[in-house]
Amino acid sequence: MDRETSGVVLLARSTNAHRELNRQFEQRIVQKTYQALTAGQPAWDETVVDLPLRINADRKHRTVVSTLLGKPARTDLKILRRFRSTCWIEASPHTGYTHQIRAHLAAVGCPILAMCFIAMQITILIQTWTCSS
């Protein structure tokens, strides 16, 4: 987790629990939702950003949109609240690249104003299963 990001750390207390959590992440059952304060006033209330990303693309090792060399990446965006010149936006990444949300928001004209405004919530959908300690 980034230093400026708040969120949840998951720890498995048994081998079976660890295996089940891994399965849920691999099958994308785990849903991650972030919130960010951004600059700008986009015309949309909800949108899907489906732009390829190139990781460590420049000398500052930033993630950037790259149609030629990027890998597929998708982020769902929803405006939660509009202010005078900013927006509070919910972002749900479907892929998990470093700084994916930052790159996608910048690409649609809504750069993040401050990382300290990002919060991460993870909703785990746990199916019925038993584990031994």
Protein backbone atom coordinates (compact mmCIF):
# COMPACT_ATOMS: atom_id res chain seq x y z
CA MET A 1 0.00 0.00 0.00
CA ASP A 2 1.30 3.48 -0.82
CA ARG A 3 2.42 5.61 2.12
CA GLU A 4 -0.23 8.24 1.33
CA THR A 5 -3.05 5.70 0.98
CA SER A 6 -5.23 4.44 3.79
CA GLY A 7 -6.86 1.05 3.57
CA VAL A 8 -7.04 -2.50 4.73
CA VAL A 9 -4.38 -5.17 5.10
CA LEU A 10 -5.61 -8.76 4.93
CA LEU A 11 -3.87 -11.46 6.92
CA ALA A 12 -4.73 -15.14 6.76
CA ARG A 13 -4.63 -17.00 10.05
CA SER A 14 -4.37 -20.44 8.49
CA THR A 15 -3.15 -22.14 5.34
CA ASN A 16 -6.73 -22.78 4.19
CA ALA A 17 -7.73 -19.16 4.76
CA HIS A 18 -4.62 -18.02 2.84
CA ARG A 19 -5.46 -20.34 -0.04
CA GLU A 20 -9.07 -19.07 -0.13
CA LEU A 21 -8.03 -15.41 -0.10
CA ASN A 22 -5.55 -16.08 -2.92
CA ARG A 23 -8.29 -17.79 -4.93
CA GLN A 24 -10.62 -14.84 -4.47
CA PHE A 25 -7.96 -12.37 -5.64
CA GLU A 26 -6.99 -14.56 -8.61
CA GLN A 27 -10.62 -14.94 -9.71
CA ARG A 28 -11.22 -11.22 -9.18
CA ILE A 29 -13.94 -11.85 -6.60
CA VAL A 30 -12.33 -9.20 -4.40
CA GLN A 31 -13.67 -5.78 -5.29
CA LYS A 32 -11.50 -2.72 -4.61
CA THR A 33 -13.00 0.74 -4.45
CA TYR A 34 -10.96 3.91 -4.07
CA GLN A 35 -12.06 7.50 -3.58
CA ALA A 36 -10.13 10.57 -4.70
CA LEU A 37 -10.47 14.33 -4.76
CA THR A 38 -9.67 15.43 -8.30
CA ALA A 39 -9.37 18.64 -10.27
CA GLY A 40 -11.79 19.42 -13.06
CA GLN A 41 -15.47 19.14 -13.90
CA PRO A 42 -15.99 16.29 -16.37
CA ALA A 43 -19.17 16.12 -18.47
CA TRP A 44 -19.86 12.55 -17.34
CA ASP A 45 -21.27 11.29 -14.03
CA GLU A 46 -20.05 7.74 -14.67
CA THR A 47 -17.60 6.42 -17.21
CA VAL A 48 -15.31 3.51 -17.98
CA VAL A 49 -11.68 4.27 -18.79
CA ASP A 50 -10.33 1.50 -20.99
CA LEU A 51 -6.86 2.76 -21.85
CA PRO A 52 -3.68 0.66 -22.02
CA LEU A 53 -0.99 1.45 -19.47
CA ARG A 54 2.77 1.25 -19.67
CA ILE A 55 4.41 0.65 -16.30
CA ASN A 56 7.67 2.48 -15.40
CA ALA A 57 7.41 4.33 -18.68
CA ASP A 58 9.78 7.22 -18.09
CA ARG A 59 12.83 8.17 -16.09
CA LYS A 60 10.61 8.90 -13.05
CA HIS A 61 9.16 5.37 -13.30
CA ARG A 62 5.61 6.61 -13.72
CA THR A 63 2.73 4.63 -15.16
CA VAL A 64 1.39 6.31 -18.30
CA VAL A 65 -1.24 5.68 -20.96
CA SER A 66 0.41 4.13 -24.02
CA THR A 67 -1.64 2.86 -26.94
CA LEU A 68 1.45 1.38 -28.60
CA LEU A 69 3.28 -0.34 -25.73
CA GLY A 70 0.72 -0.44 -22.95
CA LYS A 71 -1.10 -3.40 -21.45
CA PRO A 72 -4.91 -3.47 -21.22
CA ALA A 73 -6.26 -1.66 -18.17
CA ARG A 74 -9.78 -0.72 -17.11
CA THR A 75 -11.10 1.57 -14.39
CA ASP A 76 -14.75 2.40 -13.66
CA LEU A 77 -15.25 5.99 -12.49
CA LYS A 78 -18.24 7.57 -10.77
CA ILE A 79 -18.60 11.12 -9.50
CA LEU A 80 -19.82 11.06 -5.91
CA ARG A 81 -19.94 14.82 -5.40
CA ARG A 82 -19.16 17.93 -7.42
CA PHE A 83 -17.60 21.04 -5.92
CA ARG A 84 -16.79 24.39 -7.54
CA SER A 85 -13.67 23.24 -9.42
CA THR A 86 -13.12 19.73 -8.08
CA CYS A 87 -14.88 16.39 -7.81
CA TRP A 88 -14.98 13.56 -5.31
CA ILE A 89 -14.67 10.46 -7.48
CA GLU A 90 -15.04 6.76 -6.82
CA ALA A 91 -12.68 4.57 -8.84
CA SER A 92 -12.94 0.81 -9.22
CA PRO A 93 -9.99 -0.75 -11.05
CA HIS A 94 -10.56 -4.03 -12.88
CA THR A 95 -6.83 -4.51 -13.39
CA GLY A 96 -4.25 -3.83 -10.72
CA TYR A 97 -1.39 -1.80 -12.12
CA THR A 98 0.66 0.51 -9.94
CA HIS A 99 -0.75 4.04 -10.18
CA GLN A 100 -3.47 2.86 -12.57
CA ILE A 101 -6.12 5.13 -11.07
CA ARG A 102 -3.79 8.13 -11.10
CA ALA A 103 -2.91 7.54 -14.79
CA HIS A 104 -6.52 6.96 -15.87
CA LEU A 105 -7.87 9.99 -13.99
CA ALA A 106 -5.17 12.21 -15.50
CA ALA A 107 -5.97 10.86 -18.98
CA VAL A 108 -9.63 11.92 -18.67
CA GLY A 109 -8.73 15.39 -17.39
CA CYS A 110 -9.26 14.78 -13.67
CA PRO A 111 -5.82 14.67 -12.05
CA ILE A 112 -5.68 13.68 -8.40
CA LEU A 113 -5.09 16.73 -6.22
CA ALA A 114 -3.57 14.98 -3.23
CA MET A 115 -2.86 11.33 -2.54
CA CYS A 116 -3.86 11.76 1.09
CA PHE A 117 -7.45 12.01 -0.09
CA ILE A 118 -7.49 8.46 -1.43
CA ALA A 119 -9.08 5.76 0.68
CA MET A 120 -9.26 2.10 -0.16
CA GLN A 121 -12.10 -0.15 0.77
CA ILE A 122 -11.97 -3.85 0.04
CA THR A 123 -15.12 -5.89 0.08
CA ILE A 124 -14.39 -9.60 0.34
CA LEU A 125 -17.14 -11.88 -0.84
CA ILE A 126 -16.45 -14.99 1.21
CA GLN A 127 -18.27 -18.10 0.20
CA THR A 128 -19.19 -20.69 2.79
CA TRP A 129 -16.13 -22.79 3.61
CA THR A 130 -14.47 -24.18 6.65
CA CYS A 131 -10.89 -23.96 7.67
CA SER A 132 -8.96 -25.72 10.37
CA SER A 133 -6.56 -23.77 12.54
